[in-house]
C-alpha atoms as a PDB file:
ATOM      1  CA  MET A   1     -12.007  11.504 -16.719  1.00  0.00           C
ATOM      2  CA  ALA A   2      -9.643  12.599 -13.960  1.00  0.00           C
ATOM      3  CA  GLN A   3      -7.377   9.999 -12.447  1.00  0.00           C
ATOM      4  CA  ASN A   4      -7.283   9.491  -8.720  1.00  0.00           C
ATOM      5  CA  TYR A   5      -4.673   8.050  -6.375  1.00  0.00           C
ATOM      6  CA  TYR A   6      -6.142   4.532  -6.644  1.00  0.00           C
ATOM      7  CA  ASP A   7      -5.692   4.483 -10.424  1.00  0.00           C
ATOM      8  CA  GLU A   8      -1.951   5.024  -9.994  1.00  0.00           C
ATOM      9  CA  PHE A   9      -1.673   2.832  -6.889  1.00  0.00           C
ATOM     10  CA  VAL A  10      -2.911  -0.344  -8.602  1.00  0.00           C
ATOM     11  CA  LYS A  11      -0.164  -0.018 -11.219  1.00  0.00           C
ATOM     12  CA  LEU A  12       2.627  -0.084  -8.614  1.00  0.00           C
ATOM     13  CA  PRO A  13       4.749  -3.169  -7.949  1.00  0.00           C
ATOM     14  CA  LEU A  14       4.041  -4.991  -4.681  1.00  0.00           C
ATOM     15  CA  ASP A  15       7.018  -3.505  -2.836  1.00  0.00           C
ATOM     16  CA  LYS A  16       6.028   0.068  -3.690  1.00  0.00           C
ATOM     17  CA  MET A  17       2.371  -0.620  -2.805  1.00  0.00           C
ATOM     18  CA  ALA A  18       3.453  -1.793   0.629  1.00  0.00           C
ATOM     19  CA  GLN A  19       5.595   1.329   1.094  1.00  0.00           C
ATOM     20  CA  LYS A  20       2.741   3.633   0.074  1.00  0.00           C
ATOM     21  CA  MET A  21       0.418   1.854   2.521  1.00  0.00           C
ATOM     22  CA  GLU A  22       2.970   2.308   5.307  1.00  0.00           C
ATOM     23  CA  ASP A  23       3.208   6.019   4.437  1.00  0.00           C
ATOM     24  CA  MET A  24      -0.593   6.472   4.359  1.00  0.00           C
ATOM     25  CA  THR A  25      -1.001   4.735   7.724  1.00  0.00           C
ATOM     26  CA  PHE A  26       1.594   7.004   9.311  1.00  0.00           C
ATOM     27  CA  LEU A  27      -0.033  10.126   7.878  1.00  0.00           C
ATOM     28  CA  TYR A  28      -3.403   9.055   9.268  1.00  0.00           C
ATOM     29  CA  ASN A  29      -2.398   8.399  12.856  1.00  0.00           C
ATOM     30  CA  GLU A  30       1.407   8.676  13.141  1.00  0.00           C
ATOM     31  CA  THR A  31       1.425   4.921  13.659  1.00  0.00           C
ATOM     32  CA  ARG A  32       4.324   2.962  12.223  1.00  0.00           C
ATOM     33  CA  VAL A  33       3.198  -0.265  10.537  1.00  0.00           C
ATOM     34  CA  PRO A  34       6.188  -1.808   8.754  1.00  0.00           C
ATOM     35  CA  LYS A  35       6.097  -2.219   4.991  1.00  0.00           C
ATOM     36  CA  LYS A  36       6.862  -5.916   5.567  1.00  0.00           C
ATOM     37  CA  HIS A  37       3.421  -6.388   7.152  1.00  0.00           C
ATOM     38  CA  TYR A  38       1.574  -4.970   4.144  1.00  0.00           C
ATOM     39  CA  LYS A  39       3.792  -6.857   1.707  1.00  0.00           C
ATOM     40  CA  GLU A  40       2.906 -10.165   3.408  1.00  0.00           C
ATOM     41  CA  LYS A  41      -0.821  -9.357   3.328  1.00  0.00           C
ATOM     42  CA  LEU A  42      -0.727  -8.309  -0.331  1.00  0.00           C
ATOM     43  CA  SER A  43       1.106 -11.525  -1.267  1.00  0.00           C
ATOM     44  CA  VAL A  44      -1.563 -13.890   0.072  1.00  0.00           C
ATOM     45  CA  ALA A  45      -3.177 -16.012  -2.635  1.00  0.00           C
ATOM     46  CA  VAL A  46      -6.888 -15.436  -3.219  1.00  0.00           C
ATOM     47  CA  GLU A  47      -8.995 -18.431  -4.122  1.00  0.00           C
END
């Protein structure tokens, strides 16, 4: 079975996930959302 981007993405550490999300957002709409924003959202505890 072929791997997709998600398969590799979920293996990344939090900091690199946030950076990749920042990069994807910019590619979509040339909008700069800081990595810090995504890092905070990914760090929230889920109950």
